[in-house]
Amino acid sequence: MDDKDLYSDHDISIMKNAADSLNRNNDRIQEIIEFAKISNIKIIGIAHCTTFTKQANQLRTFLELAGFTVEQVNCKIGKVPFSDLVPNYKGISCNPAGQAHYLEEKNTELNIMMGLCLGHDLIFNAKSKAPVTPLIVKDRKLNHHSIEKLDSSDS
């Protein structure tokens, strides 16, 4: 099979628009904004952990100032009791499938994932109808800077 056969026209369009949005002078947020503009995206979703609510609110502001409609949802949507999903667990469970469903109902065209736990991020990515790009990866030990472990000599 030819590698090109692995990609749909939509996939190739995403790759082209991403390449066209790259600029060494832009940070990741600005790259996302440029990509969304080039892709003619109007509605962007933010799926975040409650730990990152302040940062998600700031991202929302940046995106709205850039002209996008923004739909935001935290991981505790629906307030699902953890014991409903896993017996003998307490508290309110994260609900990554609920986050994906909420953003689908809001017709988002691109979703930004911020700090979802391992496993929850996998479920959100699998359930999201819109393409997903990560902005923050949760890493409790390294204060969300996982690259530090890879850059250190004592890995």
C-alpha atoms as a PDB file:
ATOM      1  CA  MET A   1       0.000   0.000   0.000  1.00  0.00           C
ATOM      2  CA  ASP A   2       1.263   3.457  -0.907  1.00  0.00           C
ATOM      3  CA  ASP A   3       1.579   5.812   2.088  1.00  0.00           C
ATOM      4  CA  LYS A   4      -0.621   8.346   0.327  1.00  0.00           C
ATOM      5  CA  ASP A   5      -3.426   5.765   0.358  1.00  0.00           C
ATOM      6  CA  LEU A   6      -3.458   6.063   4.154  1.00  0.00           C
ATOM      7  CA  TYR A   7      -4.673   9.673   3.958  1.00  0.00           C
ATOM      8  CA  SER A   8      -8.050  11.041   2.965  1.00  0.00           C
ATOM      9  CA  ASP A   9      -8.362  14.354   1.159  1.00  0.00           C
ATOM     10  CA  HIS A  10      -9.508  15.800   4.491  1.00  0.00           C
ATOM     11  CA  ASP A  11      -6.355  14.502   6.210  1.00  0.00           C
ATOM     12  CA  ILE A  12      -4.166  16.058   3.537  1.00  0.00           C
ATOM     13  CA  SER A  13      -6.023  19.353   3.885  1.00  0.00           C
ATOM     14  CA  ILE A  14      -5.356  19.331   7.651  1.00  0.00           C
ATOM     15  CA  MET A  15      -1.660  18.620   7.071  1.00  0.00           C
ATOM     16  CA  LYS A  16      -1.363  21.370   4.433  1.00  0.00           C
ATOM     17  CA  ASN A  17      -3.167  23.937   6.588  1.00  0.00           C
ATOM     18  CA  ALA A  18      -1.013  23.022   9.587  1.00  0.00           C
ATOM     19  CA  ALA A  19       2.152  23.446   7.532  1.00  0.00           C
ATOM     20  CA  ASP A  20       0.884  26.786   6.215  1.00  0.00           C
ATOM     21  CA  SER A  21       0.209  27.995   9.777  1.00  0.00           C
ATOM     22  CA  LEU A  22       3.718  27.294  11.096  1.00  0.00           C
ATOM     23  CA  ASN A  23       5.818  30.285  12.043  1.00  0.00           C
ATOM     24  CA  ARG A  24       8.887  30.165  14.298  1.00  0.00           C
ATOM     25  CA  ASN A  25       7.744  33.395  15.927  1.00  0.00           C
ATOM     26  CA  ASN A  26       4.395  31.949  17.036  1.00  0.00           C
ATOM     27  CA  ASP A  27       3.723  30.032  20.228  1.00  0.00           C
ATOM     28  CA  ARG A  28       1.413  27.007  20.206  1.00  0.00           C
ATOM     29  CA  ILE A  29      -1.725  29.065  20.881  1.00  0.00           C
ATOM     30  CA  GLN A  30      -0.965  31.412  17.991  1.00  0.00           C
ATOM     31  CA  GLU A  31      -0.264  28.398  15.747  1.00  0.00           C
ATOM     32  CA  ILE A  32      -3.677  26.967  16.639  1.00  0.00           C
ATOM     33  CA  ILE A  33      -5.309  30.318  15.875  1.00  0.00           C
ATOM     34  CA  GLU A  34      -3.534  30.575  12.516  1.00  0.00           C
ATOM     35  CA  PHE A  35      -4.393  26.958  11.655  1.00  0.00           C
ATOM     36  CA  ALA A  36      -8.065  27.540  12.510  1.00  0.00           C
ATOM     37  CA  LYS A  37      -8.200  30.703  10.397  1.00  0.00           C
ATOM     38  CA  ILE A  38      -6.556  29.012   7.392  1.00  0.00           C
ATOM     39  CA  SER A  39      -8.943  26.073   7.832  1.00  0.00           C
ATOM     40  CA  ASN A  40     -11.956  28.410   7.965  1.00  0.00           C
ATOM     41  CA  ILE A  41     -12.896  27.049  11.394  1.00  0.00           C
ATOM     42  CA  LYS A  42     -15.465  29.153  13.232  1.00  0.00           C
ATOM     43  CA  ILE A  43     -16.262  27.146  16.398  1.00  0.00           C
ATOM     44  CA  ILE A  44     -13.513  25.836  18.670  1.00  0.00           C
ATOM     45  CA  GLY A  45     -14.059  23.606  21.690  1.00  0.00           C
ATOM     46  CA  ILE A  46     -11.963  23.498  24.835  1.00  0.00           C
ATOM     47  CA  ALA A  47     -12.096  20.287  26.904  1.00  0.00           C
ATOM     48  CA  HIS A  48     -10.236  20.756  30.164  1.00  0.00           C
ATOM     49  CA  CYS A  49      -9.618  19.355  33.602  1.00  0.00           C
ATOM     50  CA  THR A  50     -11.084  21.440  36.411  1.00  0.00           C
ATOM     51  CA  THR A  51      -7.490  22.002  37.580  1.00  0.00           C
ATOM     52  CA  PHE A  52      -6.975  24.118  34.452  1.00  0.00           C
ATOM     53  CA  THR A  53     -10.144  26.229  34.567  1.00  0.00           C
ATOM     54  CA  LYS A  54      -8.218  29.497  34.944  1.00  0.00           C
ATOM     55  CA  GLN A  55      -6.013  28.679  31.957  1.00  0.00           C
ATOM     56  CA  ALA A  56      -8.980  27.456  29.887  1.00  0.00           C
ATOM     57  CA  ASN A  57     -10.779  30.738  30.589  1.00  0.00           C
ATOM     58  CA  GLN A  58      -7.706  32.661  29.422  1.00  0.00           C
ATOM     59  CA  LEU A  59      -7.464  30.527  26.277  1.00  0.00           C
ATOM     60  CA  ARG A  60     -11.137  31.185  25.623  1.00  0.00           C
ATOM     61  CA  THR A  61     -10.452  34.917  25.812  1.00  0.00           C
ATOM     62  CA  PHE A  62      -7.530  34.650  23.349  1.00  0.00           C
ATOM     63  CA  LEU A  63      -9.654  32.645  20.908  1.00  0.00           C
ATOM     64  CA  GLU A  64     -12.665  34.948  21.180  1.00  0.00           C
ATOM     65  CA  LEU A  65     -10.445  38.000  20.619  1.00  0.00           C
ATOM     66  CA  ALA A  66      -9.202  36.248  17.473  1.00  0.00           C
ATOM     67  CA  GLY A  67     -12.815  36.040  16.248  1.00  0.00           C
ATOM     68  CA  PHE A  68     -13.821  32.477  17.108  1.00  0.00           C
ATOM     69  CA  THR A  69     -16.913  31.176  18.832  1.00  0.00           C
ATOM     70  CA  VAL A  70     -15.679  29.079  21.758  1.00  0.00           C
ATOM     71  CA  GLU A  71     -17.427  26.262  23.578  1.00  0.00           C
ATOM     72  CA  GLN A  72     -15.788  25.204  26.848  1.00  0.00           C
ATOM     73  CA  VAL A  73     -16.442  22.155  29.007  1.00  0.00           C
ATOM     74  CA  ASN A  74     -14.715  20.853  32.118  1.00  0.00           C
ATOM     75  CA  CYS A  75     -14.168  17.204  32.974  1.00  0.00           C
ATOM     76  CA  LYS A  76     -16.875  17.035  35.649  1.00  0.00           C
ATOM     77  CA  ILE A  77     -19.741  17.664  33.206  1.00  0.00           C
ATOM     78  CA  GLY A  78     -22.846  15.768  34.260  1.00  0.00           C
ATOM     79  CA  LYS A  79     -21.497  15.207  37.789  1.00  0.00           C
ATOM     80  CA  VAL A  80     -21.325  11.455  37.258  1.00  0.00           C
ATOM     81  CA  PRO A  81     -20.823   9.595  40.559  1.00  0.00           C
ATOM     82  CA  PHE A  82     -17.601   7.576  40.278  1.00  0.00           C
ATOM     83  CA  SER A  83     -19.400   4.606  41.877  1.00  0.00           C
ATOM     84  CA  ASP A  84     -21.762   4.517  38.842  1.00  0.00           C
ATOM     85  CA  LEU A  85     -18.768   3.641  36.659  1.00  0.00           C
ATOM     86  CA  VAL A  86     -16.456   1.768  39.027  1.00  0.00           C
ATOM     87  CA  PRO A  87     -17.879   0.069  42.132  1.00  0.00           C
ATOM     88  CA  ASN A  88     -16.452   1.109  45.515  1.00  0.00           C
ATOM     89  CA  TYR A  89     -15.030   4.420  44.248  1.00  0.00           C
ATOM     90  CA  LYS A  90     -16.173   7.698  45.761  1.00  0.00           C
ATOM     91  CA  GLY A  91     -16.563  11.211  44.464  1.00  0.00           C
ATOM     92  CA  ILE A  92     -17.491  12.678  41.119  1.00  0.00           C
ATOM     93  CA  SER A  93     -15.896  11.006  38.101  1.00  0.00           C
ATOM     94  CA  CYS A  94     -14.382  12.792  35.169  1.00  0.00           C
ATOM     95  CA  ASN A  95     -16.569  12.391  32.106  1.00  0.00           C
ATOM     96  CA  PRO A  96     -14.423  12.571  28.936  1.00  0.00           C
ATOM     97  CA  ALA A  97     -17.119  10.914  26.790  1.00  0.00           C
ATOM     98  CA  GLY A  98     -19.555  13.529  28.113  1.00  0.00           C
ATOM     99  CA  GLN A  99     -17.101  16.300  27.202  1.00  0.00           C
ATOM    100  CA  ALA A 100     -16.828  14.961  23.641  1.00  0.00           C
ATOM    101  CA  HIS A 101     -20.602  14.626  23.378  1.00  0.00           C
ATOM    102  CA  TYR A 102     -21.167  18.164  24.683  1.00  0.00           C
ATOM    103  CA  LEU A 103     -18.739  19.645  22.153  1.00  0.00           C
ATOM    104  CA  GLU A 104     -20.296  17.592  19.348  1.00  0.00           C
ATOM    105  CA  GLU A 105     -23.711  19.030  20.257  1.00  0.00           C
ATOM    106  CA  LYS A 106     -22.150  22.513  20.041  1.00  0.00           C
ATOM    107  CA  ASN A 107     -20.860  21.734  16.524  1.00  0.00           C
ATOM    108  CA  THR A 108     -17.219  22.419  17.291  1.00  0.00           C
ATOM    109  CA  GLU A 109     -14.893  22.070  14.323  1.00  0.00           C
ATOM    110  CA  LEU A 110     -11.656  21.791  16.320  1.00  0.00           C
ATOM    111  CA  ASN A 111     -11.213  20.744  19.953  1.00  0.00           C
ATOM    112  CA  ILE A 112      -8.347  21.736  22.212  1.00  0.00           C
ATOM    113  CA  MET A 113      -7.565  19.365  25.069  1.00  0.00           C
ATOM    114  CA  MET A 114      -6.109  20.789  28.272  1.00  0.00           C
ATOM    115  CA  GLY A 115      -4.782  18.591  31.065  1.00  0.00           C
ATOM    116  CA  LEU A 116      -7.090  15.603  30.916  1.00  0.00           C
ATOM    117  CA  CYS A 117      -5.828  12.629  32.909  1.00  0.00           C
ATOM    118  CA  LEU A 118      -4.231   9.666  31.167  1.00  0.00           C
ATOM    119  CA  GLY A 119      -7.029   7.424  29.998  1.00  0.00           C
ATOM    120  CA  HIS A 120      -9.522  10.271  30.018  1.00  0.00           C
ATOM    121  CA  ASP A 121      -7.529  11.901  27.216  1.00  0.00           C
ATOM    122  CA  LEU A 122      -7.640   8.635  25.261  1.00  0.00           C
ATOM    123  CA  ILE A 123     -11.409   8.394  25.634  1.00  0.00           C
ATOM    124  CA  PHE A 124     -11.942  12.067  24.740  1.00  0.00           C
ATOM    125  CA  ASN A 125      -9.807  11.720  21.599  1.00  0.00           C
ATOM    126  CA  ALA A 126     -11.611   8.534  20.561  1.00  0.00           C
ATOM    127  CA  LYS A 127     -15.095  10.012  21.123  1.00  0.00           C
ATOM    128  CA  SER A 128     -14.507  13.503  19.704  1.00  0.00           C
ATOM    129  CA  LYS A 129     -16.075  14.007  16.275  1.00  0.00           C
ATOM    130  CA  ALA A 130     -13.907  17.091  15.642  1.00  0.00           C
ATOM    131  CA  PRO A 131     -10.128  16.837  15.370  1.00  0.00           C
ATOM    132  CA  VAL A 132      -8.344  17.233  18.719  1.00  0.00           C
ATOM    133  CA  THR A 133      -5.084  18.993  19.467  1.00  0.00           C
ATOM    134  CA  PRO A 134      -3.449  18.922  22.901  1.00  0.00           C
ATOM    135  CA  LEU A 135      -2.322  22.130  24.541  1.00  0.00           C
ATOM    136  CA  ILE A 136      -1.455  20.914  28.036  1.00  0.00           C
ATOM    137  CA  VAL A 137      -0.645  17.347  29.049  1.00  0.00           C
ATOM    138  CA  LYS A 138      -1.248  16.530  32.701  1.00  0.00           C
ATOM    139  CA  ASP A 139       1.962  15.600  34.514  1.00  0.00           C
ATOM    140  CA  ARG A 140       1.533  15.962  38.253  1.00  0.00           C
ATOM    141  CA  LYS A 141       5.156  15.237  39.175  1.00  0.00           C
ATOM    142  CA  LEU A 142       6.724  17.608  36.649  1.00  0.00           C
ATOM    143  CA  ASN A 143       4.101  20.346  36.938  1.00  0.00           C
ATOM    144  CA  HIS A 144       2.840  19.579  33.410  1.00  0.00           C
ATOM    145  CA  HIS A 145       6.311  19.873  31.830  1.00  0.00           C
ATOM    146  CA  SER A 146       6.866  16.259  30.734  1.00  0.00           C
ATOM    147  CA  ILE A 147       9.673  17.260  28.381  1.00  0.00           C
ATOM    148  CA  GLU A 148      11.891  17.960  31.408  1.00  0.00           C
ATOM    149  CA  LYS A 149      12.218  14.226  32.042  1.00  0.00           C
ATOM    150  CA  LEU A 150      13.255  13.635  28.452  1.00  0.00           C
ATOM    151  CA  ASP A 151      15.744  16.512  28.547  1.00  0.00           C
ATOM    152  CA  SER A 152      17.338  15.444  31.831  1.00  0.00           C
ATOM    153  CA  SER A 153      20.437  13.248  31.908  1.00  0.00           C
ATOM    154  CA  ASP A 154      19.102  11.090  34.782  1.00  0.00           C
ATOM    155  CA  SER A 155      16.030   9.762  32.910  1.00  0.00           C
END
